[in-house]
Amino acid sequence: MTERVYKIVRKTEWDKAQETGIFAGSEDDKRDGFIHLSSPSQVRATFARYFSGEDAALLVALETARFGPALKWELSRGGEKFPHLYAELPLTAIESAVPIRRGNDGRPIFPPQIP
């Protein structure tokens, strides 16, 4: 079974990555020295905490097997382990990137694989 992790990306960051073919990370990622990712069960809380005010964000899906030792699971928020990518992310390694839309109630709508 393939394990997936996710990156929430602002549209401006995604547009820049489209120009270069590489997502080098958000400002927070660059500050911390790795690309912050989330497991499927962590996506909603990550969005609520860091992206709730964003009107244009995308959910990027990645297969963990593609990254080998560059992907590490480390303790983070609330003592929970989060996936961190210690490398730039070539767009060719991305499984999918879909806009995070909002329902009529303003709440984000995620794909079914996000619990």
PDB file of N, CA and C in Angstrom:
ATOM      1  N   MET A   1       0.841  -1.186   0.000  1.00  0.00           N
ATOM      2  CA  MET A   1       0.000   0.000   0.000  1.00  0.00           C
ATOM      3  C   MET A   1       0.885   1.248   0.000  1.00  0.00           C
ATOM      4  N   THR A   2       0.538   2.189  -0.816  1.00  0.00           N
ATOM      5  CA  THR A   2       1.299   3.426  -0.914  1.00  0.00           C
ATOM      6  C   THR A   2       0.872   4.381   0.187  1.00  0.00           C
ATOM      7  N   GLU A   3       1.856   4.929   0.881  1.00  0.00           N
ATOM      8  CA  GLU A   3       1.558   5.923   1.901  1.00  0.00           C
ATOM      9  C   GLU A   3       1.719   7.305   1.281  1.00  0.00           C
ATOM     10  N   ARG A   4       0.758   8.155   1.555  1.00  0.00           N
ATOM     11  CA  ARG A   4       0.806   9.512   1.022  1.00  0.00           C
ATOM     12  C   ARG A   4       0.928  10.521   2.155  1.00  0.00           C
ATOM     13  N   VAL A   5       1.623  11.604   1.840  1.00  0.00           N
ATOM     14  CA  VAL A   5       1.684  12.763   2.706  1.00  0.00           C
ATOM     15  C   VAL A   5       1.291  13.959   1.857  1.00  0.00           C
ATOM     16  N   TYR A   6       1.031  15.056   2.530  1.00  0.00           N
ATOM     17  CA  TYR A   6       0.462  16.211   1.839  1.00  0.00           C
ATOM     18  C   TYR A   6       1.175  17.501   2.231  1.00  0.00           C
ATOM     19  N   LYS A   7       1.174  18.423   1.281  1.00  0.00           N
ATOM     20  CA  LYS A   7       1.678  19.771   1.507  1.00  0.00           C
ATOM     21  C   LYS A   7       0.576  20.731   1.109  1.00  0.00           C
ATOM     22  N   ILE A   8       0.248  21.658   1.984  1.00  0.00           N
ATOM     23  CA  ILE A   8      -0.672  22.733   1.625  1.00  0.00           C
ATOM     24  C   ILE A   8       0.185  23.881   1.112  1.00  0.00           C
ATOM     25  N   VAL A   9      -0.119  24.326  -0.094  1.00  0.00           N
ATOM     26  CA  VAL A   9       0.698  25.328  -0.778  1.00  0.00           C
ATOM     27  C   VAL A   9      -0.177  26.519  -1.153  1.00  0.00           C
ATOM     28  N   ARG A  10       0.321  27.692  -0.878  1.00  0.00           N
ATOM     29  CA  ARG A  10      -0.373  28.910  -1.312  1.00  0.00           C
ATOM     30  C   ARG A  10      -0.242  29.026  -2.832  1.00  0.00           C
ATOM     31  N   LYS A  11      -1.247  29.594  -3.466  1.00  0.00           N
ATOM     32  CA  LYS A  11      -1.242  29.709  -4.929  1.00  0.00           C
ATOM     33  C   LYS A  11      -0.018  30.470  -5.423  1.00  0.00           C
ATOM     34  N   THR A  12       0.384  31.519  -4.734  1.00  0.00           N
ATOM     35  CA  THR A  12       1.560  32.280  -5.164  1.00  0.00           C
ATOM     36  C   THR A  12       2.816  31.405  -5.126  1.00  0.00           C
ATOM     37  N   GLU A  13       2.926  30.540  -4.112  1.00  0.00           N
ATOM     38  CA  GLU A  13       4.070  29.625  -4.016  1.00  0.00           C
ATOM     39  C   GLU A  13       4.021  28.599  -5.146  1.00  0.00           C
ATOM     40  N   TRP A  14       2.818  28.117  -5.441  1.00  0.00           N
ATOM     41  CA  TRP A  14       2.642  27.129  -6.506  1.00  0.00           C
ATOM     42  C   TRP A  14       2.991  27.736  -7.863  1.00  0.00           C
ATOM     43  N   ASP A  15       2.551  28.960  -8.102  1.00  0.00           N
ATOM     44  CA  ASP A  15       2.860  29.629  -9.369  1.00  0.00           C
ATOM     45  C   ASP A  15       4.370  29.756  -9.557  1.00  0.00           C
ATOM     46  N   LYS A  16       5.084  30.101  -8.504  1.00  0.00           N
ATOM     47  CA  LYS A  16       6.545  30.214  -8.581  1.00  0.00           C
ATOM     48  C   LYS A  16       7.168  28.851  -8.886  1.00  0.00           C
ATOM     49  N   ALA A  17       6.665  27.809  -8.236  1.00  0.00           N
ATOM     50  CA  ALA A  17       7.179  26.455  -8.478  1.00  0.00           C
ATOM     51  C   ALA A  17       6.913  26.027  -9.920  1.00  0.00           C
ATOM     52  N   GLN A  18       5.779  26.428 -10.464  1.00  0.00           N
ATOM     53  CA  GLN A  18       5.462  26.092 -11.857  1.00  0.00           C
ATOM     54  C   GLN A  18       6.481  26.701 -12.817  1.00  0.00           C
ATOM     55  N   GLU A  19       6.978  27.872 -12.482  1.00  0.00           N
ATOM     56  CA  GLU A  19       7.971  28.535 -13.335  1.00  0.00           C
ATOM     57  C   GLU A  19       9.314  27.816 -13.317  1.00  0.00           C
ATOM     58  N   THR A  20       9.693  27.287 -12.161  1.00  0.00           N
ATOM     59  CA  THR A  20      11.014  26.674 -12.005  1.00  0.00           C
ATOM     60  C   THR A  20      11.008  25.149 -12.095  1.00  0.00           C
ATOM     61  N   GLY A  21       9.818  24.536 -11.900  1.00  0.00           N
ATOM     62  CA  GLY A  21       9.735  23.081 -11.893  1.00  0.00           C
ATOM     63  C   GLY A  21      10.085  22.459 -10.548  1.00  0.00           C
ATOM     64  N   ILE A  22      10.354  23.320  -9.561  1.00  0.00           N
ATOM     65  CA  ILE A  22      10.749  22.846  -8.226  1.00  0.00           C
ATOM     66  C   ILE A  22      10.042  23.684  -7.168  1.00  0.00           C
ATOM     67  N   PHE A  23       9.479  22.993  -6.168  1.00  0.00           N
ATOM     68  CA  PHE A  23       8.956  23.702  -5.007  1.00  0.00           C
ATOM     69  C   PHE A  23      10.073  23.699  -3.975  1.00  0.00           C
ATOM     70  N   ALA A  24      10.627  24.878  -3.705  1.00  0.00           N
ATOM     71  CA  ALA A  24      11.752  25.001  -2.772  1.00  0.00           C
ATOM     72  C   ALA A  24      11.287  25.249  -1.346  1.00  0.00           C
ATOM     73  N   GLY A  25       9.978  25.380  -1.138  1.00  0.00           N
ATOM     74  CA  GLY A  25       9.442  25.579   0.196  1.00  0.00           C
ATOM     75  C   GLY A  25       8.851  26.957   0.379  1.00  0.00           C
ATOM     76  N   SER A  26       7.971  27.042   1.365  1.00  0.00           N
ATOM     77  CA  SER A  26       7.395  28.326   1.750  1.00  0.00           C
ATOM     78  C   SER A  26       8.431  29.086   2.578  1.00  0.00           C
ATOM     79  N   GLU A  27       8.094  30.295   2.965  1.00  0.00           N
ATOM     80  CA  GLU A  27       9.002  31.056   3.837  1.00  0.00           C
ATOM     81  C   GLU A  27       9.218  30.314   5.157  1.00  0.00           C
ATOM     82  N   ASP A  28       8.155  29.713   5.704  1.00  0.00           N
ATOM     83  CA  ASP A  28       8.292  28.934   6.943  1.00  0.00           C
ATOM     84  C   ASP A  28       9.202  27.727   6.734  1.00  0.00           C
ATOM     85  N   ASP A  29       9.041  27.048   5.600  1.00  0.00           N
ATOM     86  CA  ASP A  29       9.891  25.891   5.300  1.00  0.00           C
ATOM     87  C   ASP A  29      11.356  26.305   5.219  1.00  0.00           C
ATOM     88  N   LYS A  30      11.604  27.374   4.503  1.00  0.00           N
ATOM     89  CA  LYS A  30      12.987  27.847   4.346  1.00  0.00           C
ATOM     90  C   LYS A  30      13.590  28.242   5.691  1.00  0.00           C
ATOM     91  N   ARG A  31      12.797  28.882   6.526  1.00  0.00           N
ATOM     92  CA  ARG A  31      13.267  29.264   7.862  1.00  0.00           C
ATOM     93  C   ARG A  31      13.643  28.029   8.682  1.00  0.00           C
ATOM     94  N   ASP A  32      12.844  26.977   8.584  1.00  0.00           N
ATOM     95  CA  ASP A  32      13.040  25.787   9.414  1.00  0.00           C
ATOM     96  C   ASP A  32      13.997  24.765   8.809  1.00  0.00           C
ATOM     97  N   GLY A  33      14.339  24.920   7.526  1.00  0.00           N
ATOM     98  CA  GLY A  33      15.316  24.033   6.901  1.00  0.00           C
ATOM     99  C   GLY A  33      14.743  22.748   6.335  1.00  0.00           C
ATOM    100  N   PHE A  34      13.434  22.651   6.219  1.00  0.00           N
ATOM    101  CA  PHE A  34      12.790  21.481   5.622  1.00  0.00           C
ATOM    102  C   PHE A  34      11.389  21.875   5.173  1.00  0.00           C
ATOM    103  N   ILE A  35      10.802  21.058   4.306  1.00  0.00           N
ATOM    104  CA  ILE A  35       9.440  21.297   3.842  1.00  0.00           C
ATOM    105  C   ILE A  35       8.488  20.595   4.795  1.00  0.00           C
ATOM    106  N   HIS A  36       7.606  21.370   5.402  1.00  0.00           N
ATOM    107  CA  HIS A  36       6.597  20.849   6.324  1.00  0.00           C
ATOM    108  C   HIS A  36       5.529  20.093   5.541  1.00  0.00           C
ATOM    109  N   LEU A  37       5.262  18.865   5.936  1.00  0.00           N
ATOM    110  CA  LEU A  37       4.230  18.048   5.317  1.00  0.00           C
ATOM    111  C   LEU A  37       3.268  17.582   6.397  1.00  0.00           C
ATOM    112  N   SER A  38       2.181  16.962   5.969  1.00  0.00           N
ATOM    113  CA  SER A  38       1.192  16.426   6.907  1.00  0.00           C
ATOM    114  C   SER A  38       0.738  15.060   6.440  1.00  0.00           C
ATOM    115  N   SER A  39       0.440  14.191   7.394  1.00  0.00           N
ATOM    116  CA  SER A  39      -0.210  12.924   7.071  1.00  0.00           C
ATOM    117  C   SER A  39      -1.674  13.239   6.751  1.00  0.00           C
ATOM    118  N   PRO A  40      -2.413  12.282   6.171  1.00  0.00           N
ATOM    119  CA  PRO A  40      -3.825  12.558   5.882  1.00  0.00           C
ATOM    120  C   PRO A  40      -4.601  13.026   7.114  1.00  0.00           C
ATOM    121  N   SER A  41      -4.336  12.439   8.260  1.00  0.00           N
ATOM    122  CA  SER A  41      -5.084  12.805   9.466  1.00  0.00           C
ATOM    123  C   SER A  41      -4.651  14.150  10.052  1.00  0.00           C
ATOM    124  N   GLN A  42      -3.564  14.717   9.570  1.00  0.00           N
ATOM    125  CA  GLN A  42      -3.062  16.004  10.086  1.00  0.00           C
ATOM    126  C   GLN A  42      -3.434  17.190   9.199  1.00  0.00           C
ATOM    127  N   VAL A  43      -3.917  16.927   7.984  1.00  0.00           N
ATOM    128  CA  VAL A  43      -4.165  17.996   7.014  1.00  0.00           C
ATOM    129  C   VAL A  43      -5.162  19.022   7.529  1.00  0.00           C
ATOM    130  N   ARG A  44      -6.281  18.592   8.064  1.00  0.00           N
ATOM    131  CA  ARG A  44      -7.321  19.537   8.494  1.00  0.00           C
ATOM    132  C   ARG A  44      -6.812  20.482   9.583  1.00  0.00           C
ATOM    133  N   ALA A  45      -6.099  19.936  10.559  1.00  0.00           N
ATOM    134  CA  ALA A  45      -5.583  20.782  11.650  1.00  0.00           C
ATOM    135  C   ALA A  45      -4.516  21.744  11.132  1.00  0.00           C
ATOM    136  N   THR A  46      -3.673  21.281  10.218  1.00  0.00           N
ATOM    137  CA  THR A  46      -2.653  22.156   9.631  1.00  0.00           C
ATOM    138  C   THR A  46      -3.316  23.295   8.871  1.00  0.00           C
ATOM    139  N   PHE A  47      -4.336  22.972   8.083  1.00  0.00           N
ATOM    140  CA  PHE A  47      -5.048  24.015   7.347  1.00  0.00           C
ATOM    141  C   PHE A  47      -5.669  25.027   8.314  1.00  0.00           C
ATOM    142  N   ALA A  48      -6.338  24.518   9.340  1.00  0.00           N
ATOM    143  CA  ALA A  48      -7.016  25.396  10.301  1.00  0.00           C
ATOM    144  C   ALA A  48      -6.026  26.315  11.010  1.00  0.00           C
ATOM    145  N   ARG A  49      -4.862  25.791  11.328  1.00  0.00           N
ATOM    146  CA  ARG A  49      -3.891  26.578  12.096  1.00  0.00           C
ATOM    147  C   ARG A  49      -3.119  27.589  11.247  1.00  0.00           C
ATOM    148  N   TYR A  50      -2.744  27.200  10.028  1.00  0.00           N
ATOM    149  CA  TYR A  50      -1.833  28.037   9.247  1.00  0.00           C
ATOM    150  C   TYR A  50      -2.420  28.613   7.955  1.00  0.00           C
ATOM    151  N   PHE A  51      -3.533  28.074   7.482  1.00  0.00           N
ATOM    152  CA  PHE A  51      -4.020  28.469   6.165  1.00  0.00           C
ATOM    153  C   PHE A  51      -5.484  28.895   6.149  1.00  0.00           C
ATOM    154  N   SER A  52      -6.114  29.007   7.294  1.00  0.00           N
ATOM    155  CA  SER A  52      -7.550  29.284   7.327  1.00  0.00           C
ATOM    156  C   SER A  52      -7.921  30.600   6.651  1.00  0.00           C
ATOM    157  N   GLY A  53      -7.010  31.552   6.617  1.00  0.00           N
ATOM    158  CA  GLY A  53      -7.279  32.832   5.979  1.00  0.00           C
ATOM    159  C   GLY A  53      -6.944  32.872   4.499  1.00  0.00           C
ATOM    160  N   GLU A  54      -6.431  31.776   3.972  1.00  0.00           N
ATOM    161  CA  GLU A  54      -6.036  31.723   2.564  1.00  0.00           C
ATOM    162  C   GLU A  54      -7.242  31.437   1.669  1.00  0.00           C
ATOM    163  N   ASP A  55      -7.387  32.226   0.627  1.00  0.00           N
ATOM    164  CA  ASP A  55      -8.469  31.991  -0.326  1.00  0.00           C
ATOM    165  C   ASP A  55      -8.032  31.125  -1.495  1.00  0.00           C
ATOM    166  N   ALA A  56      -6.736  31.013  -1.702  1.00  0.00           N
ATOM    167  CA  ALA A  56      -6.233  30.245  -2.838  1.00  0.00           C
ATOM    168  C   ALA A  56      -5.081  29.354  -2.370  1.00  0.00           C
ATOM    169  N   ALA A  57      -5.434  28.138  -1.981  1.00  0.00           N
ATOM    170  CA  ALA A  57      -4.418  27.170  -1.556  1.00  0.00           C
ATOM    171  C   ALA A  57      -4.664  25.859  -2.291  1.00  0.00           C
ATOM    172  N   LEU A  58      -3.606  25.084  -2.403  1.00  0.00           N
ATOM    173  CA  LEU A  58      -3.706  23.780  -3.053  1.00  0.00           C
ATOM    174  C   LEU A  58      -3.259  22.701  -2.092  1.00  0.00           C
ATOM    175  N   LEU A  59      -3.809  21.517  -2.286  1.00  0.00           N
ATOM    176  CA  LEU A  59      -3.397  20.350  -1.536  1.00  0.00           C
ATOM    177  C   LEU A  59      -2.583  19.475  -2.476  1.00  0.00           C
ATOM    178  N   VAL A  60      -1.304  19.321  -2.140  1.00  0.00           N
ATOM    179  CA  VAL A  60      -0.364  18.571  -2.972  1.00  0.00           C
ATOM    180  C   VAL A  60      -0.124  17.213  -2.316  1.00  0.00           C
ATOM    181  N   ALA A  61      -0.301  16.152  -3.096  1.00  0.00           N
ATOM    182  CA  ALA A  61      -0.125  14.788  -2.582  1.00  0.00           C
ATOM    183  C   ALA A  61       1.203  14.212  -3.060  1.00  0.00           C
ATOM    184  N   LEU A  62       1.893  13.537  -2.147  1.00  0.00           N
ATOM    185  CA  LEU A  62       3.195  12.940  -2.439  1.00  0.00           C
ATOM    186  C   LEU A  62       3.221  11.502  -1.936  1.00  0.00           C
ATOM    187  N   GLU A  63       3.857  10.616  -2.673  1.00  0.00           N
ATOM    188  CA  GLU A  63       4.080   9.252  -2.212  1.00  0.00           C
ATOM    189  C   GLU A  63       5.371   9.229  -1.407  1.00  0.00           C
ATOM    190  N   THR A  64       5.305   8.738  -0.189  1.00  0.00           N
ATOM    191  CA  THR A  64       6.465   8.777   0.694  1.00  0.00           C
ATOM    192  C   THR A  64       7.644   7.973   0.147  1.00  0.00           C
ATOM    193  N   ALA A  65       7.386   6.892  -0.554  1.00  0.00           N
ATOM    194  CA  ALA A  65       8.461   6.017  -1.035  1.00  0.00           C
ATOM    195  C   ALA A  65       9.413   6.727  -1.992  1.00  0.00           C
ATOM    196  N   ARG A  66       8.979   7.793  -2.613  1.00  0.00           N
ATOM    197  CA  ARG A  66       9.813   8.497  -3.601  1.00  0.00           C
ATOM    198  C   ARG A  66      10.964   9.275  -2.971  1.00  0.00           C
ATOM    199  N   PHE A  67      10.911   9.498  -1.659  1.00  0.00           N
ATOM    200  CA  PHE A  67      11.854  10.431  -1.059  1.00  0.00           C
ATOM    201  C   PHE A  67      12.914   9.803  -0.177  1.00  0.00           C
ATOM    202  N   GLY A  68      12.817   8.522   0.088  1.00  0.00           N
ATOM    203  CA  GLY A  68      13.845   7.830   0.860  1.00  0.00           C
ATOM    204  C   GLY A  68      14.200   8.544   2.146  1.00  0.00           C
ATOM    205  N   PRO A  69      15.508   8.610   2.457  1.00  0.00           N
ATOM    206  CA  PRO A  69      15.933   9.186   3.740  1.00  0.00           C
ATOM    207  C   PRO A  69      15.739  10.704   3.839  1.00  0.00           C
ATOM    208  N   ALA A  70      15.401  11.380   2.744  1.00  0.00           N
ATOM    209  CA  ALA A  70      15.152  12.824   2.813  1.00  0.00           C
ATOM    210  C   ALA A  70      13.843  13.129   3.537  1.00  0.00           C
ATOM    211  N   LEU A  71      12.971  12.118   3.669  1.00  0.00           N
ATOM    212  CA  LEU A  71      11.702  12.286   4.376  1.00  0.00           C
ATOM    213  C   LEU A  71      11.832  11.692   5.766  1.00  0.00           C
ATOM    214  N   LYS A  72      11.674  12.540   6.759  1.00  0.00           N
ATOM    215  CA  LYS A  72      11.818  12.102   8.153  1.00  0.00           C
ATOM    216  C   LYS A  72      10.536  12.419   8.920  1.00  0.00           C
ATOM    217  N   TRP A  73      10.164  11.514   9.805  1.00  0.00           N
ATOM    218  CA  TRP A  73       9.022  11.728  10.693  1.00  0.00           C
ATOM    219  C   TRP A  73       9.587  12.204  12.027  1.00  0.00           C
ATOM    220  N   GLU A  74       9.241  13.443  12.395  1.00  0.00           N
ATOM    221  CA  GLU A  74       9.824  14.054  13.588  1.00  0.00           C
ATOM    222  C   GLU A  74       8.748  14.644  14.487  1.00  0.00           C
ATOM    223  N   LEU A  75       9.062  14.654  15.780  1.00  0.00           N
ATOM    224  CA  LEU A  75       8.136  15.242  16.742  1.00  0.00           C
ATOM    225  C   LEU A  75       7.938  16.717  16.451  1.00  0.00           C
ATOM    226  N   SER A  76       6.692  17.133  16.535  1.00  0.00           N
ATOM    227  CA  SER A  76       6.369  18.523  16.259  1.00  0.00           C
ATOM    228  C   SER A  76       5.179  18.914  17.119  1.00  0.00           C
ATOM    229  N   ARG A  77       4.263  19.634  16.550  1.00  0.00           N
ATOM    230  CA  ARG A  77       3.103  20.178  17.237  1.00  0.00           C
ATOM    231  C   ARG A  77       2.420  19.132  18.126  1.00  0.00           C
ATOM    232  N   GLY A  78       2.293  19.455  19.390  1.00  0.00           N
ATOM    233  CA  GLY A  78       1.590  18.600  20.325  1.00  0.00           C
ATOM    234  C   GLY A  78       2.246  17.255  20.574  1.00  0.00           C
ATOM    235  N   GLY A  79       3.549  17.139  20.301  1.00  0.00           N
ATOM    236  CA  GLY A  79       4.246  15.887  20.511  1.00  0.00           C
ATOM    237  C   GLY A  79       3.929  14.831  19.467  1.00  0.00           C
ATOM    238  N   GLU A  80       3.262  15.222  18.397  1.00  0.00           N
ATOM    239  CA  GLU A  80       2.905  14.309  17.313  1.00  0.00           C
ATOM    240  C   GLU A  80       4.008  14.295  16.261  1.00  0.00           C
ATOM    241  N   LYS A  81       4.236  13.147  15.625  1.00  0.00           N
ATOM    242  CA  LYS A  81       5.229  13.067  14.558  1.00  0.00           C
ATOM    243  C   LYS A  81       4.624  13.561  13.245  1.00  0.00           C
ATOM    244  N   PHE A  82       5.368  14.453  12.604  1.00  0.00           N
ATOM    245  CA  PHE A  82       4.976  14.999  11.305  1.00  0.00           C
ATOM    246  C   PHE A  82       6.053  14.658  10.284  1.00  0.00           C
ATOM    247  N   PRO A  83       5.673  14.506   9.014  1.00  0.00           N
ATOM    248  CA  PRO A  83       6.659  14.278   7.965  1.00  0.00           C
ATOM    249  C   PRO A  83       7.341  15.597   7.571  1.00  0.00           C
ATOM    250  N   HIS A  84       8.664  15.554   7.477  1.00  0.00           N
ATOM    251  CA  HIS A  84       9.464  16.706   7.070  1.00  0.00           C
ATOM    252  C   HIS A  84      10.359  16.271   5.919  1.00  0.00           C
ATOM    253  N   LEU A  85      10.364  17.036   4.851  1.00  0.00           N
ATOM    254  CA  LEU A  85      11.185  16.713   3.685  1.00  0.00           C
ATOM    255  C   LEU A  85      12.420  17.606   3.675  1.00  0.00           C
ATOM    256  N   TYR A  86      13.577  16.973   3.796  1.00  0.00           N
ATOM    257  CA  TYR A  86      14.853  17.688   3.801  1.00  0.00           C
ATOM    258  C   TYR A  86      15.445  17.698   2.393  1.00  0.00           C
ATOM    259  N   ALA A  87      14.697  18.243   1.474  1.00  0.00           N
ATOM    260  CA  ALA A  87      15.126  18.358   0.078  1.00  0.00           C
ATOM    261  C   ALA A  87      14.128  19.264  -0.630  1.00  0.00           C
ATOM    262  N   GLU A  88      14.538  19.788  -1.773  1.00  0.00           N
ATOM    263  CA  GLU A  88      13.584  20.504  -2.597  1.00  0.00           C
ATOM    264  C   GLU A  88      12.645  19.476  -3.218  1.00  0.00           C
ATOM    265  N   LEU A  89      11.489  19.928  -3.638  1.00  0.00           N
ATOM    266  CA  LEU A  89      10.476  19.043  -4.175  1.00  0.00           C
ATOM    267  C   LEU A  89      10.296  19.282  -5.673  1.00  0.00           C
ATOM    268  N   PRO A  90      10.833  18.373  -6.497  1.00  0.00           N
ATOM    269  CA  PRO A  90      10.606  18.531  -7.937  1.00  0.00           C
ATOM    270  C   PRO A  90       9.133  18.272  -8.252  1.00  0.00           C
ATOM    271  N   LEU A  91       8.555  19.090  -9.114  1.00  0.00           N
ATOM    272  CA  LEU A  91       7.140  18.933  -9.426  1.00  0.00           C
ATOM    273  C   LEU A  91       6.855  17.586 -10.078  1.00  0.00           C
ATOM    274  N   THR A  92       7.847  16.973 -10.687  1.00  0.00           N
ATOM    275  CA  THR A  92       7.666  15.649 -11.291  1.00  0.00           C
ATOM    276  C   THR A  92       7.410  14.576 -10.232  1.00  0.00           C
ATOM    277  N   ALA A  93       7.722  14.852  -8.970  1.00  0.00           N
ATOM    278  CA  ALA A  93       7.512  13.887  -7.883  1.00  0.00           C
ATOM    279  C   ALA A  93       6.132  14.028  -7.239  1.00  0.00           C
ATOM    280  N   ILE A  94       5.354  14.977  -7.709  1.00  0.00           N
ATOM    281  CA  ILE A  94       4.039  15.229  -7.118  1.00  0.00           C
ATOM    282  C   ILE A  94       3.002  14.336  -7.777  1.00  0.00           C
ATOM    283  N   GLU A  95       2.246  13.669  -6.945  1.00  0.00           N
ATOM    284  CA  GLU A  95       1.191  12.778  -7.431  1.00  0.00           C
ATOM    285  C   GLU A  95      -0.023  13.566  -7.922  1.00  0.00           C
ATOM    286  N   SER A  96      -0.429  14.574  -7.147  1.00  0.00           N
ATOM    287  CA  SER A  96      -1.554  15.417  -7.559  1.00  0.00           C
ATOM    288  C   SER A  96      -1.483  16.745  -6.816  1.00  0.00           C
ATOM    289  N   ALA A  97      -2.132  17.736  -7.394  1.00  0.00           N
ATOM    290  CA  ALA A  97      -2.260  19.051  -6.767  1.00  0.00           C
ATOM    291  C   ALA A  97      -3.653  19.560  -7.103  1.00  0.00           C
ATOM    292  N   VAL A  98      -4.477  19.719  -6.064  1.00  0.00           N
ATOM    293  CA  VAL A  98      -5.855  20.146  -6.280  1.00  0.00           C
ATOM    294  C   VAL A  98      -6.155  21.379  -5.429  1.00  0.00           C
ATOM    295  N   PRO A  99      -6.928  22.303  -5.981  1.00  0.00           N
ATOM    296  CA  PRO A  99      -7.306  23.479  -5.193  1.00  0.00           C
ATOM    297  C   PRO A  99      -8.150  23.063  -3.993  1.00  0.00           C
ATOM    298  N   ILE A 100      -7.971  23.750  -2.892  1.00  0.00           N
ATOM    299  CA  ILE A 100      -8.816  23.549  -1.720  1.00  0.00           C
ATOM    300  C   ILE A 100      -9.966  24.542  -1.849  1.00  0.00           C
ATOM    301  N   ARG A 101     -11.103  24.023  -2.153  1.00  0.00           N
ATOM    302  CA  ARG A 101     -12.292  24.854  -2.333  1.00  0.00           C
ATOM    303  C   ARG A 101     -13.000  25.006  -0.992  1.00  0.00           C
ATOM    304  N   ARG A 102     -13.936  25.914  -0.958  1.00  0.00           N
ATOM    305  CA  ARG A 102     -14.730  26.118   0.259  1.00  0.00           C
ATOM    306  C   ARG A 102     -16.204  25.895  -0.067  1.00  0.00           C
ATOM    307  N   GLY A 103     -16.898  25.335   0.901  1.00  0.00           N
ATOM    308  CA  GLY A 103     -18.333  25.132   0.758  1.00  0.00           C
ATOM    309  C   GLY A 103     -19.077  26.428   0.988  1.00  0.00           C
ATOM    310  N   ASN A 104     -20.389  26.380   0.844  1.00  0.00           N
ATOM    311  CA  ASN A 104     -21.228  27.562   1.067  1.00  0.00           C
ATOM    312  C   ASN A 104     -21.078  28.097   2.482  1.00  0.00           C
ATOM    313  N   ASP A 105     -20.696  27.232   3.409  1.00  0.00           N
ATOM    314  CA  ASP A 105     -20.508  27.645   4.797  1.00  0.00           C
ATOM    315  C   ASP A 105     -19.112  28.218   5.062  1.00  0.00           C
ATOM    316  N   GLY A 106     -18.267  28.250   4.021  1.00  0.00           N
ATOM    317  CA  GLY A 106     -16.919  28.801   4.153  1.00  0.00           C
ATOM    318  C   GLY A 106     -15.878  27.796   4.610  1.00  0.00           C
ATOM    319  N   ARG A 107     -16.308  26.590   4.945  1.00  0.00           N
ATOM    320  CA  ARG A 107     -15.363  25.570   5.415  1.00  0.00           C
ATOM    321  C   ARG A 107     -14.657  24.912   4.236  1.00  0.00           C
ATOM    322  N   PRO A 108     -13.387  24.528   4.439  1.00  0.00           N
ATOM    323  CA  PRO A 108     -12.643  23.900   3.341  1.00  0.00           C
ATOM    324  C   PRO A 108     -13.224  22.530   2.991  1.00  0.00           C
ATOM    325  N   ILE A 109     -13.153  22.203   1.715  1.00  0.00           N
ATOM    326  CA  ILE A 109     -13.600  20.900   1.230  1.00  0.00           C
ATOM    327  C   ILE A 109     -12.350  20.133   0.797  1.00  0.00           C
ATOM    328  N   PHE A 110     -12.119  18.995   1.448  1.00  0.00           N
ATOM    329  CA  PHE A 110     -10.948  18.176   1.141  1.00  0.00           C
ATOM    330  C   PHE A 110     -11.374  16.918   0.399  1.00  0.00           C
ATOM    331  N   PRO A 111     -10.448  16.308  -0.332  1.00  0.00           N
ATOM    332  CA  PRO A 111     -10.761  15.049  -1.015  1.00  0.00           C
ATOM    333  C   PRO A 111     -11.117  13.960   0.005  1.00  0.00           C
ATOM    334  N   PRO A 112     -11.787  12.899  -0.442  1.00  0.00           N
ATOM    335  CA  PRO A 112     -12.256  11.856   0.477  1.00  0.00           C
ATOM    336  C   PRO A 112     -11.146  11.160   1.270  1.00  0.00           C
ATOM    337  N   GLN A 113      -9.922  11.155   0.768  1.00  0.00           N
ATOM    338  CA  GLN A 113      -8.836  10.471   1.487  1.00  0.00           C
ATOM    339  C   GLN A 113      -8.349  11.250   2.712  1.00  0.00           C
ATOM    340  N   ILE A 114      -8.865  12.465   2.898  1.00  0.00           N
ATOM    341  CA  ILE A 114      -8.520  13.265   4.072  1.00  0.00           C
ATOM    342  C   ILE A 114      -9.643  13.091   5.100  1.00  0.00           C
ATOM    343  N   PRO A 115      -9.364  12.393   6.190  1.00  0.00           N
ATOM    344  CA  PRO A 115     -10.440  12.136   7.175  1.00  0.00           C
ATOM    345  C   PRO A 115     -10.889  13.388   7.919  1.00  0.00           C
TER     346      PRO A 115
END
